[in-house]
Amino acid sequence: MTCAGAITVLGHPAPWGVIERALEGYSFALRRICAVLREAEVLCVVLGTLYNPVPRSPLAMRAFNRLNEIIRDTAQREQFGLARVDAVFSGLEPALIHRYRTGRLEDLSLPFGRPVHPNDLGHAHIADAFWEAIAKAPPAAQPAPLAQRRRAQDG
């Protein structure tokens, strides 16, 4: 979330409504991306959950929990691998996020140096989470049209 995004949400009379609409848009876009990957016959796909850079904000906790639920459900539905970046960062945010301050949403209102990006150690943890997920991810199921074409060629 950008500084302007945080201010828009915090200043809105119904901040959860704003977040819900954004989550609906994310869910739609993720479904479209998955469809494109299926159509392109990508054999191994790993989705990654997102860490919450402001874990001491109840609103952010709720939003990131819902966002990660969308990602987990999509990975399961699509039979894609899943890197649990949120689980890797949970409780370690001060050590893994560059310029981490208080873990509150107000930290995002700073004009520069917002604590949202991982530091070097955070990047290493993310890489490890994806490496583990890739190692155990099953190949994506073949789209039905491709399977049907191959059976027709073999038959």
Protein backbone atom coordinates (compact mmCIF):
# COMPACT_ATOMS: atom_id res chain seq x y z
CA MET A 1 0.00 0.00 0.00
CA THR A 2 1.36 3.40 -0.92
CA CYS A 3 1.35 6.40 1.37
CA ALA A 4 -1.56 7.87 -0.58
CA GLY A 5 -3.32 4.50 -0.37
CA ALA A 6 -2.86 4.36 3.40
CA ILE A 7 -4.20 7.89 3.81
CA THR A 8 -7.16 7.13 1.53
CA VAL A 9 -8.02 4.05 3.58
CA LEU A 10 -7.44 5.68 6.97
CA GLY A 11 -9.42 8.79 6.02
CA HIS A 12 -12.35 6.85 4.56
CA PRO A 13 -15.48 6.48 6.70
CA ALA A 14 -15.61 2.76 5.86
CA PRO A 15 -11.98 1.62 5.46
CA TRP A 16 -12.85 -2.08 5.36
CA GLY A 17 -15.19 -1.46 2.42
CA VAL A 18 -12.33 0.13 0.48
CA ILE A 19 -10.06 -2.79 1.32
CA GLU A 20 -12.73 -5.37 0.41
CA ARG A 21 -13.13 -3.82 -3.04
CA ALA A 22 -9.36 -3.89 -3.53
CA LEU A 23 -9.28 -7.55 -2.46
CA GLU A 24 -12.06 -8.40 -4.91
CA GLY A 25 -10.05 -6.78 -7.69
CA TYR A 26 -6.93 -8.70 -6.62
CA SER A 27 -8.85 -11.98 -6.56
CA PHE A 28 -10.22 -11.34 -10.06
CA ALA A 29 -6.77 -10.43 -11.41
CA LEU A 30 -5.18 -13.50 -9.80
CA ARG A 31 -7.80 -15.78 -11.40
CA ARG A 32 -7.09 -14.21 -14.81
CA ILE A 33 -3.32 -14.68 -14.34
CA CYS A 34 -3.87 -18.32 -13.42
CA ALA A 35 -6.01 -18.80 -16.53
CA VAL A 36 -3.24 -17.33 -18.70
CA LEU A 37 -0.69 -19.64 -17.06
CA ARG A 38 -2.95 -22.64 -17.70
CA GLU A 39 -3.49 -21.59 -21.30
CA ALA A 40 0.28 -21.20 -21.76
CA GLU A 41 0.68 -24.73 -20.36
CA VAL A 42 3.16 -23.65 -17.68
CA LEU A 43 4.02 -26.90 -15.91
CA CYS A 44 5.09 -25.63 -12.48
CA VAL A 45 3.62 -22.57 -10.82
CA VAL A 46 4.25 -21.45 -7.24
CA LEU A 47 2.21 -18.67 -5.67
CA GLY A 48 3.52 -16.80 -2.66
CA THR A 49 1.62 -15.33 0.23
CA LEU A 50 2.52 -11.82 1.32
CA TYR A 51 3.99 -10.68 4.61
CA ASN A 52 2.36 -7.87 6.54
CA PRO A 53 4.80 -4.97 7.05
CA VAL A 54 2.56 -3.45 9.75
CA PRO A 55 1.58 -6.42 11.95
CA ARG A 56 0.54 -4.24 14.90
CA SER A 57 -2.35 -2.76 12.91
CA PRO A 58 -5.62 -4.67 13.35
CA LEU A 59 -6.91 -3.35 10.02
CA ALA A 60 -3.76 -4.45 8.18
CA MET A 61 -3.82 -7.83 9.93
CA ARG A 62 -7.40 -8.38 8.78
CA ALA A 63 -6.59 -7.27 5.22
CA PHE A 64 -3.42 -9.37 4.90
CA ASN A 65 -5.14 -12.41 6.41
CA ARG A 66 -7.88 -12.13 3.79
CA LEU A 67 -5.38 -11.47 0.99
CA ASN A 68 -3.35 -14.53 1.95
CA GLU A 69 -6.51 -16.61 2.21
CA ILE A 70 -7.26 -15.67 -1.40
CA ILE A 71 -3.74 -16.70 -2.43
CA ARG A 72 -3.85 -20.00 -0.49
CA ASP A 73 -7.32 -20.88 -1.85
CA THR A 74 -6.21 -20.08 -5.39
CA ALA A 75 -3.08 -22.21 -5.08
CA GLN A 76 -5.14 -25.11 -3.76
CA ARG A 77 -7.89 -24.76 -6.39
CA GLU A 78 -5.36 -24.50 -9.23
CA GLN A 79 -3.10 -27.20 -7.76
CA PHE A 80 -0.18 -24.77 -7.76
CA GLY A 81 2.64 -24.77 -5.25
CA LEU A 82 2.54 -22.31 -2.37
CA ALA A 83 5.38 -20.41 -0.70
CA ARG A 84 4.22 -19.32 2.77
CA VAL A 85 6.10 -16.04 2.95
CA ASP A 86 3.64 -14.74 5.54
CA ALA A 87 4.48 -17.63 7.88
CA VAL A 88 8.23 -17.11 7.40
CA PHE A 89 7.97 -13.42 8.35
CA SER A 90 5.44 -13.78 11.18
CA GLY A 91 7.01 -12.53 14.40
CA LEU A 92 10.31 -11.70 12.68
CA GLU A 93 9.24 -8.50 10.94
CA PRO A 94 11.70 -6.24 12.82
CA ALA A 95 14.61 -8.43 11.67
CA LEU A 96 13.40 -8.96 8.10
CA ILE A 97 11.91 -5.61 7.00
CA HIS A 98 14.17 -2.71 6.02
CA ARG A 99 13.64 0.32 8.28
CA TYR A 100 11.02 -1.44 10.39
CA ARG A 101 9.70 0.91 13.05
CA THR A 102 6.63 0.24 15.16
CA GLY A 103 4.66 -2.15 12.98
CA ARG A 104 1.71 0.23 12.92
CA LEU A 105 -0.15 1.52 9.89
CA GLU A 106 1.00 5.06 10.68
CA ASP A 107 4.54 4.01 9.71
CA LEU A 108 3.36 4.04 6.10
CA SER A 109 2.54 7.75 6.23
CA LEU A 110 6.23 8.71 6.22
CA PRO A 111 7.19 10.44 2.96
CA PHE A 112 10.42 8.43 2.55
CA GLY A 113 11.81 5.17 3.84
CA ARG A 114 8.53 3.42 4.43
CA PRO A 115 9.15 0.07 6.11
CA VAL A 116 7.54 -2.19 3.53
CA HIS A 117 10.42 -3.83 1.69
CA PRO A 118 12.45 -6.77 2.96
CA ASN A 119 16.08 -6.29 3.89
CA ASP A 120 18.78 -8.71 2.67
CA LEU A 121 17.89 -11.28 5.31
CA GLY A 122 14.20 -10.89 4.45
CA HIS A 123 14.96 -11.52 0.77
CA ALA A 124 16.90 -14.64 1.75
CA HIS A 125 13.92 -15.91 3.75
CA ILE A 126 11.60 -15.28 0.79
CA ALA A 127 13.99 -17.13 -1.54
CA ASP A 128 14.14 -20.07 0.87
CA ALA A 129 10.33 -20.21 1.10
CA PHE A 130 10.04 -20.32 -2.71
CA TRP A 131 12.88 -22.83 -3.04
CA GLU A 132 11.12 -25.21 -0.63
CA ALA A 133 7.77 -24.73 -2.37
CA ILE A 134 9.27 -25.34 -5.82
CA ALA A 135 10.99 -28.50 -4.59
CA LYS A 136 7.71 -30.05 -3.47
CA ALA A 137 5.27 -28.49 -5.95
CA PRO A 138 3.44 -30.92 -8.20
CA PRO A 139 3.44 -30.04 -11.87
CA ALA A 140 0.30 -28.16 -12.80
CA ALA A 141 -2.44 -30.31 -14.25
CA GLN A 142 -2.62 -30.18 -18.00
CA PRO A 143 -5.50 -28.17 -19.44
CA ALA A 144 -8.24 -30.41 -20.79
CA PRO A 145 -7.90 -29.28 -24.44
CA LEU A 146 -4.20 -30.24 -24.50
CA ALA A 147 -4.88 -33.63 -22.91
CA GLN A 148 -7.66 -34.25 -25.40
CA ARG A 149 -5.42 -33.30 -28.33
CA ARG A 150 -2.71 -35.69 -27.17
CA ARG A 151 -5.17 -38.56 -26.73
CA ALA A 152 -6.52 -37.87 -30.21
CA GLN A 153 -3.00 -37.98 -31.66
CA ASP A 154 -2.16 -41.22 -29.83
CA GLY A 155 -5.47 -42.90 -30.66
